[in-house]
Amino acid sequence: GGYAEKAVAPEATTYEVPDGVDDNAALAFIVQGMTAWLML
C-alpha cells in the first residue's frame, strides 16, 4: 500500500523519525538498514 498519497500502517510498526534523519535515510534504515543490521 505504500505507492500512494496516503497509506495505513499498524501503530506497532510505526516509528517516529528523529531530527537530523531525512526521509531517504529513514526509509533506507527501516528495510535495508535493518536487513544489514540483522544479518551481521
PDB file of all heavy atoms in Angstrom:
ATOM      1  N   GLY A   1       0.775  -1.230   0.000  1.00  0.00           N
ATOM      2  CA  GLY A   1       0.000   0.000   0.000  1.00  0.00           C
ATOM      3  C   GLY A   1       0.802   1.274   0.000  1.00  0.00           C
ATOM      4  O   GLY A   1       0.235   2.367   0.075  1.00  0.00           O
ATOM      5  N   GLY A   2       2.131   1.178  -0.111  1.00  0.00           N
ATOM      6  CA  GLY A   2       2.973   2.355   0.026  1.00  0.00           C
ATOM      7  C   GLY A   2       3.032   3.265  -1.185  1.00  0.00           C
ATOM      8  O   GLY A   2       3.274   4.468  -1.050  1.00  0.00           O
ATOM      9  N   TYR A   3       2.804   2.728  -2.388  1.00  0.00           N
ATOM     10  CA  TYR A   3       2.888   3.541  -3.598  1.00  0.00           C
ATOM     11  C   TYR A   3       1.602   4.347  -3.754  1.00  0.00           C
ATOM     12  O   TYR A   3       0.795   4.141  -4.654  1.00  0.00           O
ATOM     13  CB  TYR A   3       3.073   2.660  -4.831  1.00  0.00           C
ATOM     14  CG  TYR A   3       4.382   1.920  -4.965  1.00  0.00           C
ATOM     15  CD1 TYR A   3       5.286   1.817  -3.917  1.00  0.00           C
ATOM     16  CD2 TYR A   3       4.720   1.301  -6.165  1.00  0.00           C
ATOM     17  CE1 TYR A   3       6.483   1.130  -4.060  1.00  0.00           C
ATOM     18  CE2 TYR A   3       5.909   0.611  -6.328  1.00  0.00           C
ATOM     19  CZ  TYR A   3       6.779   0.521  -5.269  1.00  0.00           C
ATOM     20  OH  TYR A   3       7.967  -0.172  -5.424  1.00  0.00           O
ATOM     21  N   ALA A   4       1.394   5.312  -2.874  1.00  0.00           N
ATOM     22  CA  ALA A   4       0.144   6.064  -2.855  1.00  0.00           C
ATOM     23  C   ALA A   4       0.354   7.364  -2.085  1.00  0.00           C
ATOM     24  O   ALA A   4       1.360   7.548  -1.397  1.00  0.00           O
ATOM     25  CB  ALA A   4      -0.967   5.248  -2.202  1.00  0.00           C
ATOM     26  N   GLU A   5      -0.640   8.256  -2.207  1.00  0.00           N
ATOM     27  CA  GLU A   5      -0.569   9.526  -1.484  1.00  0.00           C
ATOM     28  C   GLU A   5      -0.894   9.358  -0.006  1.00  0.00           C
ATOM     29  O   GLU A   5      -0.474  10.166   0.816  1.00  0.00           O
ATOM     30  CB  GLU A   5      -1.522  10.527  -2.125  1.00  0.00           C
ATOM     31  CG  GLU A   5      -1.088  10.952  -3.519  1.00  0.00           C
ATOM     32  CD  GLU A   5      -2.042  11.936  -4.160  1.00  0.00           C
ATOM     33  OE1 GLU A   5      -3.272  11.739  -4.043  1.00  0.00           O
ATOM     34  OE2 GLU A   5      -1.554  12.901  -4.778  1.00  0.00           O
ATOM     35  N   LYS A   6      -1.638   8.297   0.331  1.00  0.00           N
ATOM     36  CA  LYS A   6      -1.966   8.003   1.725  1.00  0.00           C
ATOM     37  C   LYS A   6      -1.837   6.507   1.951  1.00  0.00           C
ATOM     38  O   LYS A   6      -2.080   5.714   1.041  1.00  0.00           O
ATOM     39  CB  LYS A   6      -3.383   8.469   2.063  1.00  0.00           C
ATOM     40  CG  LYS A   6      -3.589   9.972   1.964  1.00  0.00           C
ATOM     41  CD  LYS A   6      -5.018  10.364   2.283  1.00  0.00           C
ATOM     42  CE  LYS A   6      -5.216  11.871   2.138  1.00  0.00           C
ATOM     43  NZ  LYS A   6      -6.621  12.269   2.424  1.00  0.00           N
ATOM     44  N   ALA A   7      -1.466   6.130   3.168  1.00  0.00           N
ATOM     45  CA  ALA A   7      -1.319   4.713   3.492  1.00  0.00           C
ATOM     46  C   ALA A   7      -1.726   4.491   4.938  1.00  0.00           C
ATOM     47  O   ALA A   7      -1.717   5.421   5.759  1.00  0.00           O
ATOM     48  CB  ALA A   7       0.129   4.263   3.276  1.00  0.00           C
ATOM     49  N   VAL A   8      -2.087   3.244   5.242  1.00  0.00           N
ATOM     50  CA  VAL A   8      -2.445   2.844   6.600  1.00  0.00           C
ATOM     51  C   VAL A   8      -1.394   1.865   7.102  1.00  0.00           C
ATOM     52  O   VAL A   8      -1.027   0.917   6.410  1.00  0.00           O
ATOM     53  CB  VAL A   8      -3.846   2.204   6.632  1.00  0.00           C
ATOM     54  CG1 VAL A   8      -4.077   1.492   7.948  1.00  0.00           C
ATOM     55  CG2 VAL A   8      -4.913   3.264   6.406  1.00  0.00           C
ATOM     56  N   ALA A   9      -0.893   2.097   8.322  1.00  0.00           N
ATOM     57  CA  ALA A   9       0.136   1.232   8.904  1.00  0.00           C
ATOM     58  C   ALA A   9      -0.249   0.830  10.318  1.00  0.00           C
ATOM     59  O   ALA A   9      -0.942   1.582  11.015  1.00  0.00           O
ATOM     60  CB  ALA A   9       1.481   1.965   8.941  1.00  0.00           C
ATOM     61  N   PRO A  10       0.191  -0.330  10.776  1.00  0.00           N
ATOM     62  CA  PRO A  10      -0.013  -0.692  12.183  1.00  0.00           C
ATOM     63  C   PRO A  10       0.753   0.259  13.094  1.00  0.00           C
ATOM     64  O   PRO A  10       1.905   0.625  12.791  1.00  0.00           O
ATOM     65  CB  PRO A  10       0.556  -2.115  12.266  1.00  0.00           C
ATOM     66  CG  PRO A  10       0.604  -2.609  10.859  1.00  0.00           C
ATOM     67  CD  PRO A  10       0.858  -1.405  10.020  1.00  0.00           C
ATOM     68  N   GLU A  11       0.136   0.660  14.193  1.00  0.00           N
ATOM     69  CA  GLU A  11       0.854   1.507  15.163  1.00  0.00           C
ATOM     70  C   GLU A  11       2.115   0.799  15.662  1.00  0.00           C
ATOM     71  O   GLU A  11       3.127   1.443  15.933  1.00  0.00           O
ATOM     72  CB  GLU A  11      -0.061   1.830  16.347  1.00  0.00           C
ATOM     73  CG  GLU A  11      -0.996   2.993  16.116  1.00  0.00           C
ATOM     74  CD  GLU A  11      -0.321   4.346  16.313  1.00  0.00           C
ATOM     75  OE1 GLU A  11       0.915   4.379  16.444  1.00  0.00           O
ATOM     76  OE2 GLU A  11      -1.042   5.360  16.304  1.00  0.00           O
ATOM     77  N   ALA A  12       2.057  -0.536  15.748  1.00  0.00           N
ATOM     78  CA  ALA A  12       3.178  -1.301  16.292  1.00  0.00           C
ATOM     79  C   ALA A  12       4.412  -1.244  15.415  1.00  0.00           C
ATOM     80  O   ALA A  12       5.520  -1.492  15.895  1.00  0.00           O
ATOM     81  CB  ALA A  12       2.760  -2.756  16.498  1.00  0.00           C
ATOM     82  N   THR A  13       4.248  -0.931  14.130  1.00  0.00           N
ATOM     83  CA  THR A  13       5.411  -0.841  13.234  1.00  0.00           C
ATOM     84  C   THR A  13       5.543   0.566  12.657  1.00  0.00           C
ATOM     85  O   THR A  13       6.013   0.763  11.540  1.00  0.00           O
ATOM     86  CB  THR A  13       5.321  -1.877  12.100  1.00  0.00           C
ATOM     87  OG1 THR A  13       4.094  -1.692  11.366  1.00  0.00           O
ATOM     88  CG2 THR A  13       5.378  -3.289  12.651  1.00  0.00           C
ATOM     89  N   THR A  14       5.114   1.537  13.440  1.00  0.00           N
ATOM     90  CA  THR A  14       5.249   2.954  13.083  1.00  0.00           C
ATOM     91  C   THR A  14       6.205   3.602  14.075  1.00  0.00           C
ATOM     92  O   THR A  14       5.997   3.509  15.289  1.00  0.00           O
ATOM     93  CB  THR A  14       3.884   3.653  13.108  1.00  0.00           C
ATOM     94  OG1 THR A  14       3.014   3.032  12.146  1.00  0.00           O
ATOM     95  CG2 THR A  14       4.018   5.128  12.774  1.00  0.00           C
ATOM     96  N   TYR A  15       7.244   4.253  13.569  1.00  0.00           N
ATOM     97  CA  TYR A  15       8.311   4.765  14.430  1.00  0.00           C
ATOM     98  C   TYR A  15       8.549   6.240  14.128  1.00  0.00           C
ATOM     99  O   TYR A  15       8.600   6.653  12.961  1.00  0.00           O
ATOM    100  CB  TYR A  15       9.610   3.985  14.188  1.00  0.00           C
ATOM    101  CG  TYR A  15       9.437   2.485  14.273  1.00  0.00           C
ATOM    102  CD1 TYR A  15       9.151   1.733  13.132  1.00  0.00           C
ATOM    103  CD2 TYR A  15       9.531   1.809  15.488  1.00  0.00           C
ATOM    104  CE1 TYR A  15       8.974   0.356  13.199  1.00  0.00           C
ATOM    105  CE2 TYR A  15       9.359   0.434  15.562  1.00  0.00           C
ATOM    106  CZ  TYR A  15       9.079  -0.288  14.410  1.00  0.00           C
ATOM    107  OH  TYR A  15       8.899  -1.649  14.483  1.00  0.00           O
ATOM    108  N   GLU A  16       8.711   7.031  15.178  1.00  0.00           N
ATOM    109  CA  GLU A  16       8.996   8.449  14.990  1.00  0.00           C
ATOM    110  C   GLU A  16      10.410   8.628  14.454  1.00  0.00           C
ATOM    111  O   GLU A  16      11.345   7.940  14.885  1.00  0.00           O
ATOM    112  CB  GLU A  16       8.801   9.208  16.296  1.00  0.00           C
ATOM    113  CG  GLU A  16       7.348   9.189  16.767  1.00  0.00           C
ATOM    114  CD  GLU A  16       7.022  10.330  17.719  1.00  0.00           C
ATOM    115  OE1 GLU A  16       7.733  11.356  17.707  1.00  0.00           O
ATOM    116  OE2 GLU A  16       6.042  10.186  18.475  1.00  0.00           O
ATOM    117  N   VAL A  17      10.548   9.558  13.512  1.00  0.00           N
ATOM    118  CA  VAL A  17      11.846   9.836  12.890  1.00  0.00           C
ATOM    119  C   VAL A  17      12.504  10.995  13.635  1.00  0.00           C
ATOM    120  O   VAL A  17      11.921  12.082  13.720  1.00  0.00           O
ATOM    121  CB  VAL A  17      11.691  10.186  11.400  1.00  0.00           C
ATOM    122  CG1 VAL A  17      13.060  10.430  10.767  1.00  0.00           C
ATOM    123  CG2 VAL A  17      10.948   9.075  10.665  1.00  0.00           C
ATOM    124  N   PRO A  18      13.695  10.798  14.175  1.00  0.00           N
ATOM    125  CA  PRO A  18      14.338  11.889  14.920  1.00  0.00           C
ATOM    126  C   PRO A  18      14.818  12.997  14.008  1.00  0.00           C
ATOM    127  O   PRO A  18      15.054  12.788  12.812  1.00  0.00           O
ATOM    128  CB  PRO A  18      15.518  11.179  15.603  1.00  0.00           C
ATOM    129  CG  PRO A  18      15.803   9.992  14.763  1.00  0.00           C
ATOM    130  CD  PRO A  18      14.492   9.556  14.185  1.00  0.00           C
ATOM    131  N   ASP A  19      14.957  14.194  14.567  1.00  0.00           N
ATOM    132  CA  ASP A  19      15.539  15.309  13.823  1.00  0.00           C
ATOM    133  C   ASP A  19      16.949  14.921  13.365  1.00  0.00           C
ATOM    134  O   ASP A  19      17.669  14.214  14.069  1.00  0.00           O
ATOM    135  CB  ASP A  19      15.618  16.555  14.710  1.00  0.00           C
ATOM    136  CG  ASP A  19      14.238  17.104  15.067  1.00  0.00           C
ATOM    137  OD1 ASP A  19      13.278  16.803  14.323  1.00  0.00           O
ATOM    138  OD2 ASP A  19      14.130  17.815  16.083  1.00  0.00           O
ATOM    139  N   GLY A  20      17.307  15.361  12.180  1.00  0.00           N
ATOM    140  CA  GLY A  20      18.628  15.044  11.658  1.00  0.00           C
ATOM    141  C   GLY A  20      18.655  13.814  10.775  1.00  0.00           C
ATOM    142  O   GLY A  20      19.698  13.478  10.199  1.00  0.00           O
ATOM    143  N   VAL A  21      17.524  13.112  10.676  1.00  0.00           N
ATOM    144  CA  VAL A  21      17.418  11.945   9.793  1.00  0.00           C
ATOM    145  C   VAL A  21      16.411  12.288   8.705  1.00  0.00           C
ATOM    146  O   VAL A  21      15.233  12.502   8.986  1.00  0.00           O
ATOM    147  CB  VAL A  21      16.960  10.691  10.565  1.00  0.00           C
ATOM    148  CG1 VAL A  21      16.782   9.509   9.620  1.00  0.00           C
ATOM    149  CG2 VAL A  21      17.970  10.345  11.659  1.00  0.00           C
ATOM    150  N   ASP A  22      16.875  12.371   7.439  1.00  0.00           N
ATOM    151  CA  ASP A  22      15.975  12.761   6.360  1.00  0.00           C
ATOM    152  C   ASP A  22      15.119  11.582   5.897  1.00  0.00           C
ATOM    153  O   ASP A  22      15.283  10.443   6.345  1.00  0.00           O
ATOM    154  CB  ASP A  22      16.747  13.392   5.195  1.00  0.00           C
ATOM    155  CG  ASP A  22      17.718  12.430   4.507  1.00  0.00           C
ATOM    156  OD1 ASP A  22      17.553  11.197   4.615  1.00  0.00           O
ATOM    157  OD2 ASP A  22      18.647  12.928   3.829  1.00  0.00           O
ATOM    158  N   ASP A  23      14.182  11.862   4.986  1.00  0.00           N
ATOM    159  CA  ASP A  23      13.244  10.838   4.525  1.00  0.00           C
ATOM    160  C   ASP A  23      13.971   9.655   3.886  1.00  0.00           C
ATOM    161  O   ASP A  23      13.615   8.493   4.127  1.00  0.00           O
ATOM    162  CB  ASP A  23      12.265  11.425   3.505  1.00  0.00           C
ATOM    163  CG  ASP A  23      11.181  12.288   4.146  1.00  0.00           C
ATOM    164  OD1 ASP A  23      11.233  12.486   5.379  1.00  0.00           O
ATOM    165  OD2 ASP A  23      10.295  12.772   3.412  1.00  0.00           O
ATOM    166  N   ASN A  24      14.957   9.952   3.052  1.00  0.00           N
ATOM    167  CA  ASN A  24      15.683   8.886   2.367  1.00  0.00           C
ATOM    168  C   ASN A  24      16.344   7.946   3.373  1.00  0.00           C
ATOM    169  O   ASN A  24      16.258   6.721   3.251  1.00  0.00           O
ATOM    170  CB  ASN A  24      16.743   9.487   1.431  1.00  0.00           C
ATOM    171  CG  ASN A  24      17.476   8.437   0.628  1.00  0.00           C
ATOM    172  OD1 ASN A  24      17.039   8.030  -0.441  1.00  0.00           O
ATOM    173  ND2 ASN A  24      18.623   7.989   1.135  1.00  0.00           N
ATOM    174  N   ALA A  25      16.977   8.517   4.381  1.00  0.00           N
ATOM    175  CA  ALA A  25      17.652   7.698   5.390  1.00  0.00           C
ATOM    176  C   ALA A  25      16.645   6.894   6.201  1.00  0.00           C
ATOM    177  O   ALA A  25      16.861   5.711   6.491  1.00  0.00           O
ATOM    178  CB  ALA A  25      18.489   8.575   6.306  1.00  0.00           C
ATOM    179  N   ALA A  26      15.530   7.518   6.575  1.00  0.00           N
ATOM    180  CA  ALA A  26      14.523   6.809   7.367  1.00  0.00           C
ATOM    181  C   ALA A  26      14.011   5.585   6.618  1.00  0.00           C
ATOM    182  O   ALA A  26      13.882   4.497   7.185  1.00  0.00           O
ATOM    183  CB  ALA A  26      13.372   7.748   7.705  1.00  0.00           C
ATOM    184  N   LEU A  27      13.737   5.737   5.324  1.00  0.00           N
ATOM    185  CA  LEU A  27      13.257   4.622   4.517  1.00  0.00           C
ATOM    186  C   LEU A  27      14.350   3.576   4.304  1.00  0.00           C
ATOM    187  O   LEU A  27      14.085   2.371   4.307  1.00  0.00           O
ATOM    188  CB  LEU A  27      12.742   5.125   3.165  1.00  0.00           C
ATOM    189  CG  LEU A  27      11.424   5.894   3.212  1.00  0.00           C
ATOM    190  CD1 LEU A  27      11.145   6.566   1.869  1.00  0.00           C
ATOM    191  CD2 LEU A  27      10.269   4.978   3.597  1.00  0.00           C
ATOM    192  N   ALA A  28      15.573   4.039   4.103  1.00  0.00           N
ATOM    193  CA  ALA A  28      16.681   3.099   3.909  1.00  0.00           C
ATOM    194  C   ALA A  28      16.920   2.273   5.164  1.00  0.00           C
ATOM    195  O   ALA A  28      17.152   1.060   5.089  1.00  0.00           O
ATOM    196  CB  ALA A  28      17.949   3.854   3.524  1.00  0.00           C
ATOM    197  N   PHE A  29      16.842   2.886   6.321  1.00  0.00           N
ATOM    198  CA  PHE A  29      17.169   2.183   7.568  1.00  0.00           C
ATOM    199  C   PHE A  29      16.097   1.173   7.956  1.00  0.00           C
ATOM    200  O   PHE A  29      16.404   0.099   8.475  1.00  0.00           O
ATOM    201  CB  PHE A  29      17.380   3.176   8.703  1.00  0.00           C
ATOM    202  CG  PHE A  29      18.613   4.014   8.568  1.00  0.00           C
ATOM    203  CD1 PHE A  29      18.663   5.288   9.104  1.00  0.00           C
ATOM    204  CD2 PHE A  29      19.726   3.547   7.890  1.00  0.00           C
ATOM    205  CE1 PHE A  29      19.800   6.074   8.976  1.00  0.00           C
ATOM    206  CE2 PHE A  29      20.874   4.327   7.750  1.00  0.00           C
ATOM    207  CZ  PHE A  29      20.904   5.590   8.299  1.00  0.00           C
ATOM    208  N   ILE A  30      14.814   1.482   7.711  1.00  0.00           N
ATOM    209  CA  ILE A  30      13.761   0.606   8.220  1.00  0.00           C
ATOM    210  C   ILE A  30      13.702  -0.721   7.467  1.00  0.00           C
ATOM    211  O   ILE A  30      13.239  -1.726   8.011  1.00  0.00           O
ATOM    212  CB  ILE A  30      12.393   1.320   8.202  1.00  0.00           C
ATOM    213  CG1 ILE A  30      11.421   0.611   9.161  1.00  0.00           C
ATOM    214  CG2 ILE A  30      11.836   1.403   6.792  1.00  0.00           C
ATOM    215  CD1 ILE A  30      10.133   1.345   9.412  1.00  0.00           C
ATOM    216  N   VAL A  31      14.204  -0.776   6.232  1.00  0.00           N
ATOM    217  CA  VAL A  31      14.229  -2.042   5.490  1.00  0.00           C
ATOM    218  C   VAL A  31      15.661  -2.473   5.208  1.00  0.00           C
ATOM    219  O   VAL A  31      16.156  -3.461   5.757  1.00  0.00           O
ATOM    220  CB  VAL A  31      13.424  -1.942   4.180  1.00  0.00           C
ATOM    221  CG1 VAL A  31      13.589  -3.215   3.349  1.00  0.00           C
ATOM    222  CG2 VAL A  31      11.942  -1.741   4.485  1.00  0.00           C
ATOM    223  N   GLN A  32      16.369  -1.720   4.370  1.00  0.00           N
ATOM    224  CA  GLN A  32      17.734  -2.122   4.005  1.00  0.00           C
ATOM    225  C   GLN A  32      18.685  -2.089   5.200  1.00  0.00           C
ATOM    226  O   GLN A  32      19.479  -3.004   5.403  1.00  0.00           O
ATOM    227  CB  GLN A  32      18.277  -1.229   2.882  1.00  0.00           C
ATOM    228  CG  GLN A  32      17.769  -1.591   1.511  1.00  0.00           C
ATOM    229  CD  GLN A  32      16.446  -0.942   1.176  1.00  0.00           C
ATOM    230  OE1 GLN A  32      15.879  -0.181   1.978  1.00  0.00           O
ATOM    231  NE2 GLN A  32      15.926  -1.237  -0.005  1.00  0.00           N
ATOM    232  N   GLY A  33      18.577  -1.035   5.994  1.00  0.00           N
ATOM    233  CA  GLY A  33      19.456  -0.926   7.149  1.00  0.00           C
ATOM    234  C   GLY A  33      19.222  -2.024   8.162  1.00  0.00           C
ATOM    235  O   GLY A  33      20.163  -2.618   8.684  1.00  0.00           O
ATOM    236  N   MET A  34      17.953  -2.294   8.452  1.00  0.00           N
ATOM    237  CA  MET A  34      17.653  -3.358   9.412  1.00  0.00           C
ATOM    238  C   MET A  34      18.009  -4.736   8.868  1.00  0.00           C
ATOM    239  O   MET A  34      18.393  -5.628   9.628  1.00  0.00           O
ATOM    240  CB  MET A  34      16.180  -3.300   9.815  1.00  0.00           C
ATOM    241  CG  MET A  34      15.874  -2.266  10.880  1.00  0.00           C
ATOM    242  SD  MET A  34      16.873  -2.462  12.394  1.00  0.00           S
ATOM    243  CE  MET A  34      16.414  -4.123  12.905  1.00  0.00           C
ATOM    244  N   THR A  35      17.903  -4.926   7.559  1.00  0.00           N
ATOM    245  CA  THR A  35      18.345  -6.188   6.963  1.00  0.00           C
ATOM    246  C   THR A  35      19.836  -6.380   7.177  1.00  0.00           C
ATOM    247  O   THR A  35      20.295  -7.451   7.603  1.00  0.00           O
ATOM    248  CB  THR A  35      18.008  -6.230   5.466  1.00  0.00           C
ATOM    249  OG1 THR A  35      16.592  -6.113   5.293  1.00  0.00           O
ATOM    250  CG2 THR A  35      18.488  -7.530   4.832  1.00  0.00           C
ATOM    251  N   ALA A  36      20.627  -5.343   6.908  1.00  0.00           N
ATOM    252  CA  ALA A  36      22.070  -5.423   7.118  1.00  0.00           C
ATOM    253  C   ALA A  36      22.392  -5.614   8.597  1.00  0.00           C
ATOM    254  O   ALA A  36      23.267  -6.423   8.965  1.00  0.00           O
ATOM    255  CB  ALA A  36      22.744  -4.155   6.579  1.00  0.00           C
ATOM    256  N   TRP A  37      21.709  -4.875   9.457  1.00  0.00           N
ATOM    257  CA  TRP A  37      21.933  -4.954  10.904  1.00  0.00           C
ATOM    258  C   TRP A  37      21.670  -6.366  11.407  1.00  0.00           C
ATOM    259  O   TRP A  37      22.468  -6.940  12.149  1.00  0.00           O
ATOM    260  CB  TRP A  37      21.013  -3.946  11.597  1.00  0.00           C
ATOM    261  CG  TRP A  37      21.239  -3.716  13.058  1.00  0.00           C
ATOM    262  CD1 TRP A  37      22.027  -2.743  13.628  1.00  0.00           C
ATOM    263  CD2 TRP A  37      20.659  -4.448  14.157  1.00  0.00           C
ATOM    264  NE1 TRP A  37      21.969  -2.826  15.000  1.00  0.00           N
ATOM    265  CE2 TRP A  37      21.138  -3.870  15.353  1.00  0.00           C
ATOM    266  CE3 TRP A  37      19.798  -5.535  14.237  1.00  0.00           C
ATOM    267  CZ2 TRP A  37      20.779  -4.339  16.619  1.00  0.00           C
ATOM    268  CZ3 TRP A  37      19.431  -6.009  15.493  1.00  0.00           C
ATOM    269  CH2 TRP A  37      19.922  -5.415  16.662  1.00  0.00           C
ATOM    270  N   LEU A  38      20.541  -6.949  11.006  1.00  0.00           N
ATOM    271  CA  LEU A  38      20.182  -8.287  11.467  1.00  0.00           C
ATOM    272  C   LEU A  38      21.142  -9.349  10.933  1.00  0.00           C
ATOM    273  O   LEU A  38      21.503 -10.282  11.658  1.00  0.00           O
ATOM    274  CB  LEU A  38      18.749  -8.606  11.047  1.00  0.00           C
ATOM    275  CG  LEU A  38      17.660  -7.888  11.844  1.00  0.00           C
ATOM    276  CD1 LEU A  38      16.340  -7.905  11.090  1.00  0.00           C
ATOM    277  CD2 LEU A  38      17.494  -8.527  13.224  1.00  0.00           C
ATOM    278  N   MET A  39      21.528  -9.235   9.668  1.00  0.00           N
ATOM    279  CA  MET A  39      22.448 -10.237   9.117  1.00  0.00           C
ATOM    280  C   MET A  39      23.768 -10.255   9.866  1.00  0.00           C
ATOM    281  O   MET A  39      24.295 -11.321  10.191  1.00  0.00           O
ATOM    282  CB  MET A  39      22.690  -9.976   7.629  1.00  0.00           C
ATOM    283  CG  MET A  39      21.560 -10.431   6.740  1.00  0.00           C
ATOM    284  SD  MET A  39      22.025 -10.494   4.997  1.00  0.00           S
ATOM    285  CE  MET A  39      22.311  -8.755   4.653  1.00  0.00           C
ATOM    286  N   LEU A  40      24.304  -9.084  10.142  1.00  0.00           N
ATOM    287  CA  LEU A  40      25.598  -9.032  10.822  1.00  0.00           C
ATOM    288  C   LEU A  40      25.478  -9.390  12.301  1.00  0.00           C
ATOM    289  O   LEU A  40      26.364 -10.035  12.860  1.00  0.00           O
ATOM    290  CB  LEU A  40      26.213  -7.639  10.659  1.00  0.00           C
ATOM    291  CG  LEU A  40      26.685  -7.300   9.240  1.00  0.00           C
ATOM    292  CD1 LEU A  40      27.020  -5.813   9.116  1.00  0.00           C
ATOM    293  CD2 LEU A  40      27.908  -8.142   8.866  1.00  0.00           C
TER     294      LEU A  40
END
